[in-house]
Amino acid sequence: MVTERISIKDIARQLGKHHSTVSRALRNDPSISEETRRSVAKMAGKLGYLPDPRLSELMTRVRKGPRQAIDDTIAVTVPP
């Protein structure tokens, strides 16, 4: 039997919050109030939310990976 995976959007829908707020709350972002973090954690537990380890690893790399500035010249046009 295949069960549907609970997502951050499912938690957000139940709480009437934006999915980015839920995501940051689950990561204990200090910009999210303690009350919100607690309510998100409680709802995540109630719904049986489990983070996808592969997706979590990918997003960690995206958030903390090296930033590279692009300073290459794409094209130069010369007026006639």
Protein backbone atom coordinates (compact mmCIF):
# COMPACT_ATOMS: atom_id res chain seq x y z
CA MET A 1 0.00 0.00 0.00
CA VAL A 2 1.39 3.39 -1.02
CA THR A 3 0.67 6.30 1.29
CA GLU A 4 0.89 9.91 0.21
CA ARG A 5 3.88 11.79 1.57
CA ILE A 6 3.02 14.70 3.87
CA SER A 7 4.60 17.90 2.57
CA ILE A 8 5.45 21.28 4.03
CA LYS A 9 2.59 22.68 1.97
CA ASP A 10 0.18 20.27 3.71
CA ILE A 11 1.31 21.58 7.11
CA ALA A 12 1.05 25.17 5.90
CA ARG A 13 -2.48 24.58 4.61
CA GLN A 14 -3.59 23.14 7.96
CA LEU A 15 -2.13 26.12 9.86
CA GLY A 16 -3.12 28.84 7.40
CA LYS A 17 0.53 29.83 6.95
CA HIS A 18 2.81 30.19 3.94
CA HIS A 19 4.95 27.17 3.06
CA SER A 20 8.15 29.21 3.42
CA THR A 21 7.18 30.08 7.01
CA VAL A 22 6.67 26.39 7.78
CA SER A 23 9.99 25.50 6.14
CA ARG A 24 11.88 28.09 8.18
CA ALA A 25 10.05 27.07 11.36
CA LEU A 26 11.07 23.44 10.86
CA ARG A 27 14.68 24.60 10.50
CA ASN A 28 14.40 26.64 13.74
CA ASP A 29 14.99 29.93 11.94
CA PRO A 30 15.26 32.64 14.63
CA SER A 31 13.18 35.03 12.51
CA ILE A 32 10.15 32.79 13.17
CA SER A 33 8.50 33.23 16.57
CA GLU A 34 8.82 30.47 19.14
CA GLU A 35 5.03 30.13 19.19
CA THR A 36 4.90 29.55 15.44
CA ARG A 37 7.79 27.07 15.58
CA ARG A 38 5.98 25.11 18.30
CA SER A 39 2.67 25.05 16.42
CA VAL A 40 4.41 23.95 13.22
CA ALA A 41 6.29 21.19 15.04
CA LYS A 42 3.08 20.03 16.71
CA MET A 43 1.18 19.91 13.41
CA ALA A 44 4.09 18.18 11.66
CA GLY A 45 4.01 15.48 14.33
CA LYS A 46 0.23 15.16 14.17
CA LEU A 47 0.28 14.73 10.38
CA GLY A 48 3.28 12.37 10.47
CA TYR A 49 5.59 14.64 8.47
CA LEU A 50 9.03 13.22 7.77
CA PRO A 51 11.54 15.28 5.80
CA ASP A 52 12.96 13.70 2.66
CA PRO A 53 16.67 13.26 3.46
CA ARG A 54 17.76 13.59 -0.19
CA LEU A 55 15.79 16.79 -0.67
CA SER A 56 17.06 18.17 2.66
CA GLU A 57 20.66 17.53 1.61
CA LEU A 58 20.09 19.20 -1.75
CA MET A 59 18.48 22.28 -0.21
CA THR A 60 21.30 22.57 2.34
CA ARG A 61 23.79 22.67 -0.53
CA VAL A 62 21.72 25.22 -2.42
CA ARG A 63 21.39 27.48 0.64
CA LYS A 64 25.00 27.24 1.80
CA GLY A 65 26.87 26.46 -1.39
CA PRO A 66 29.46 28.78 -2.88
CA ARG A 67 28.10 31.73 -4.77
CA GLN A 68 29.84 32.51 -8.00
CA ALA A 69 29.63 35.92 -9.56
CA ILE A 70 29.21 35.94 -13.31
CA ASP A 71 31.41 38.59 -14.83
CA ASP A 72 31.99 37.15 -18.30
CA THR A 73 31.32 39.19 -21.41
CA ILE A 74 28.55 37.62 -23.45
CA ALA A 75 28.79 39.83 -26.53
CA VAL A 76 30.15 43.13 -27.67
CA THR A 77 28.34 45.17 -30.29
CA VAL A 78 30.07 47.77 -32.36
CA PRO A 79 28.02 50.51 -34.04
CA PRO A 80 28.39 50.67 -37.87
